Protein backbone atom coordinates (compact mmCIF):
# COMPACT_ATOMS: atom_id res chain seq x y z
CA UNK A 1 51.69 53.05 109.04
CA UNK A 2 52.51 51.46 105.69
CA UNK A 3 53.69 53.47 102.73
CA UNK A 4 53.27 53.09 98.90
CA UNK A 5 56.90 52.05 98.83
CA UNK A 6 56.23 49.10 101.11
CA UNK A 7 53.19 48.15 99.07
CA UNK A 8 55.23 48.23 95.83
CA UNK A 9 57.96 46.04 97.47
CA UNK A 10 55.28 43.45 98.47
CA UNK A 11 53.75 43.45 95.00
CA UNK A 12 57.11 42.75 93.54
CA UNK A 13 58.32 43.95 90.15
CA UNK A 14 55.33 44.72 87.99
CA UNK A 15 55.67 45.92 84.43
CA UNK A 16 54.05 49.29 83.78
CA UNK A 17 51.77 49.02 80.74
CA UNK A 18 51.15 52.06 78.65
CA UNK A 19 49.87 53.46 75.34
CA UNK A 20 50.81 56.63 73.42
CA UNK A 21 48.49 59.55 72.73
CA UNK A 22 48.37 58.50 69.02
CA UNK A 23 47.29 54.84 69.73
CA UNK A 24 43.70 54.10 69.16
CA UNK A 25 41.28 53.54 72.07
CA UNK A 26 40.82 50.02 70.78
CA UNK A 27 44.59 49.42 71.18
CA UNK A 28 44.34 50.75 74.80
CA UNK A 29 41.42 48.45 75.53
CA UNK A 30 43.15 45.41 73.98
CA UNK A 31 46.16 46.00 76.22
CA UNK A 32 44.06 46.44 79.31
CA UNK A 33 42.36 43.09 78.54
CA UNK A 34 45.65 41.45 77.72
CA UNK A 35 47.35 42.59 80.94
CA UNK A 36 44.04 42.32 83.11
CA UNK A 37 44.29 45.95 84.27
CA UNK A 38 41.65 48.70 84.40
CA UNK A 39 43.80 51.59 83.22
CA UNK A 40 46.69 52.45 81.08
CA UNK A 41 49.13 55.33 81.55
CA UNK A 42 49.58 57.44 78.42
CA UNK A 43 53.22 58.15 77.84
CA UNK A 44 55.22 60.26 75.46
CA UNK A 45 58.61 58.53 75.80
CA UNK A 46 58.91 58.39 79.56
CA UNK A 47 56.66 61.39 80.41
CA UNK A 48 53.11 60.78 81.66
CA UNK A 49 50.68 62.90 79.58
CA UNK A 50 47.40 61.19 80.63
CA UNK A 51 45.63 58.14 81.72
CA UNK A 52 42.89 56.18 79.99
CA UNK A 53 40.49 53.84 81.96
CA UNK A 54 37.76 51.28 81.32
CA UNK A 55 35.30 53.96 82.41
CA UNK A 56 36.58 56.25 79.71
CA UNK A 57 36.06 53.53 77.08
CA UNK A 58 32.53 53.03 78.19
CA UNK A 59 31.79 56.66 77.98
CA UNK A 60 32.87 57.12 74.41
CA UNK A 61 31.26 53.88 73.03
CA UNK A 62 28.00 53.95 74.88
CA UNK A 63 27.21 57.70 75.66
CA UNK A 64 29.08 59.37 72.79
CA UNK A 65 28.54 56.56 70.31
CA UNK A 66 32.13 56.94 69.01
CA UNK A 67 34.14 54.05 67.55
CA UNK A 68 37.16 52.89 69.41
CA UNK A 69 39.05 51.66 66.44
CA UNK A 70 39.48 55.13 64.91
CA UNK A 71 39.49 57.42 68.06
CA UNK A 72 42.97 58.30 69.25
CA UNK A 73 43.70 57.99 73.00
CA UNK A 74 44.58 61.75 73.22
CA UNK A 75 40.85 62.62 72.49
CA UNK A 76 39.71 60.54 75.39
CA UNK A 77 42.40 60.37 78.11
CA UNK A 78 42.39 62.37 81.33
CA UNK A 79 45.04 64.97 80.95
CA UNK A 80 45.41 65.79 84.58
CA UNK A 81 46.97 62.78 86.24
CA UNK A 82 47.16 62.69 90.06
CA UNK A 83 50.13 60.85 91.47
CA UNK A 84 51.78 59.84 94.76
CA UNK A 85 55.23 59.35 95.96
CA UNK A 86 56.84 56.24 97.52
CA UNK A 87 56.62 57.95 101.00
CA UNK A 88 52.86 58.57 100.78
CA UNK A 89 51.01 56.59 103.48
CA UNK A 90 48.34 54.06 102.36
CA UNK A 91 45.52 55.85 104.16
CA UNK A 92 46.40 59.10 102.34
CA UNK A 93 46.30 57.32 98.97
CA UNK A 94 42.92 55.73 99.81
CA UNK A 95 41.60 59.10 100.89
CA UNK A 96 42.81 60.71 97.62
CA UNK A 97 41.31 57.92 95.48
CA UNK A 98 37.99 58.09 97.30
CA UNK A 99 37.70 61.87 97.24
CA UNK A 100 38.76 62.13 93.54
CA UNK A 101 36.86 58.95 92.55
CA UNK A 102 39.76 57.46 90.86
CA UNK A 103 40.93 53.77 90.88
CA UNK A 104 44.50 53.96 89.68
CA UNK A 105 47.35 56.26 90.60
CA UNK A 106 50.97 56.37 89.37
CA UNK A 107 53.83 56.54 91.82
CA UNK A 108 56.56 59.00 90.95
CA UNK A 109 59.99 59.33 92.56
CA UNK A 110 62.05 62.48 91.57
CA UNK A 111 59.75 62.79 88.57
CA UNK A 112 60.35 59.31 87.34
CA UNK A 113 57.65 56.64 87.13
CA UNK A 114 58.27 53.97 89.69
CA UNK A 115 54.84 52.06 89.49
CA UNK A 116 51.11 52.23 89.59
CA UNK A 117 48.76 51.16 92.28
CA UNK A 118 45.01 50.46 92.19
CA UNK A 119 42.40 51.02 94.86
CA UNK A 120 42.35 47.19 95.14
CA UNK A 121 46.08 46.99 95.98
CA UNK A 122 45.61 49.73 98.58
CA UNK A 123 42.56 48.22 100.26
CA UNK A 124 44.11 44.67 100.16
CA UNK A 125 47.25 45.96 101.94
CA UNK A 126 45.34 48.00 104.55
CA UNK A 127 43.21 44.96 105.30
CA UNK A 128 46.37 42.75 105.71
CA UNK A 129 47.88 45.37 108.05
CA UNK A 130 44.67 45.60 110.16
CA UNK A 131 44.61 41.77 110.38
CA UNK A 132 48.18 41.80 111.74
CA UNK A 133 47.20 44.49 114.24
CA UNK A 134 44.12 42.50 115.40
CA UNK A 135 46.17 39.33 115.80
CA UNK A 136 48.86 41.15 117.74
CA UNK A 137 46.20 42.69 120.06
CA UNK A 138 44.50 39.33 120.51
CA UNK A 139 47.84 37.72 121.46
CA UNK A 140 48.54 40.47 123.90
CA UNK A 141 45.11 40.18 125.50
CA UNK A 142 45.37 36.41 125.72
CA UNK A 143 48.85 36.66 127.35
CA UNK A 144 47.78 39.40 129.79
CA UNK A 145 44.64 37.64 130.70
CA UNK A 146 45.30 33.89 130.45
CA UNK A 147 41.60 33.03 131.08
CA UNK A 148 39.87 31.19 134.01
CA UNK A 149 42.07 29.55 136.47
CA UNK A 150 41.32 27.20 139.32
CA UNK A 151 41.37 30.23 141.72
CA UNK A 152 38.50 32.58 141.96
CA UNK A 153 38.87 36.34 141.54
CA UNK A 154 39.19 36.79 145.37
CA UNK A 155 42.13 34.50 145.92
């Protein structure tokens, strides 16, 4: 069973992009576009105080009709941020993300931010792990049962 720590190690060093509660929503969206990410953590110094996502942006501009260039992130962000630890297993993370309908989750170790993972990261890693398992089982089956031989089943 793979863990978030193993996923982060495979992803390699990834900078954590963030905004402050006082930044405008437009600033948050521009940074998401610049870094090709779907969410930004909202930090006060090193403390996570929220998260803002593409979905949040769509809600304020289309449904609420607000303008992103003068709306501060703190008025839009989700204040309750779910997180995982490096020891959390990938299947648990996928279940959490599916149940809570979230696509990004920060990784905290001893209260400090270690990284952030997306549902895409998790699904991709689980698929790779399953592919390895399938290949291993196929190799085992092929070695255990080498296929038809010149002898029949009765000798």
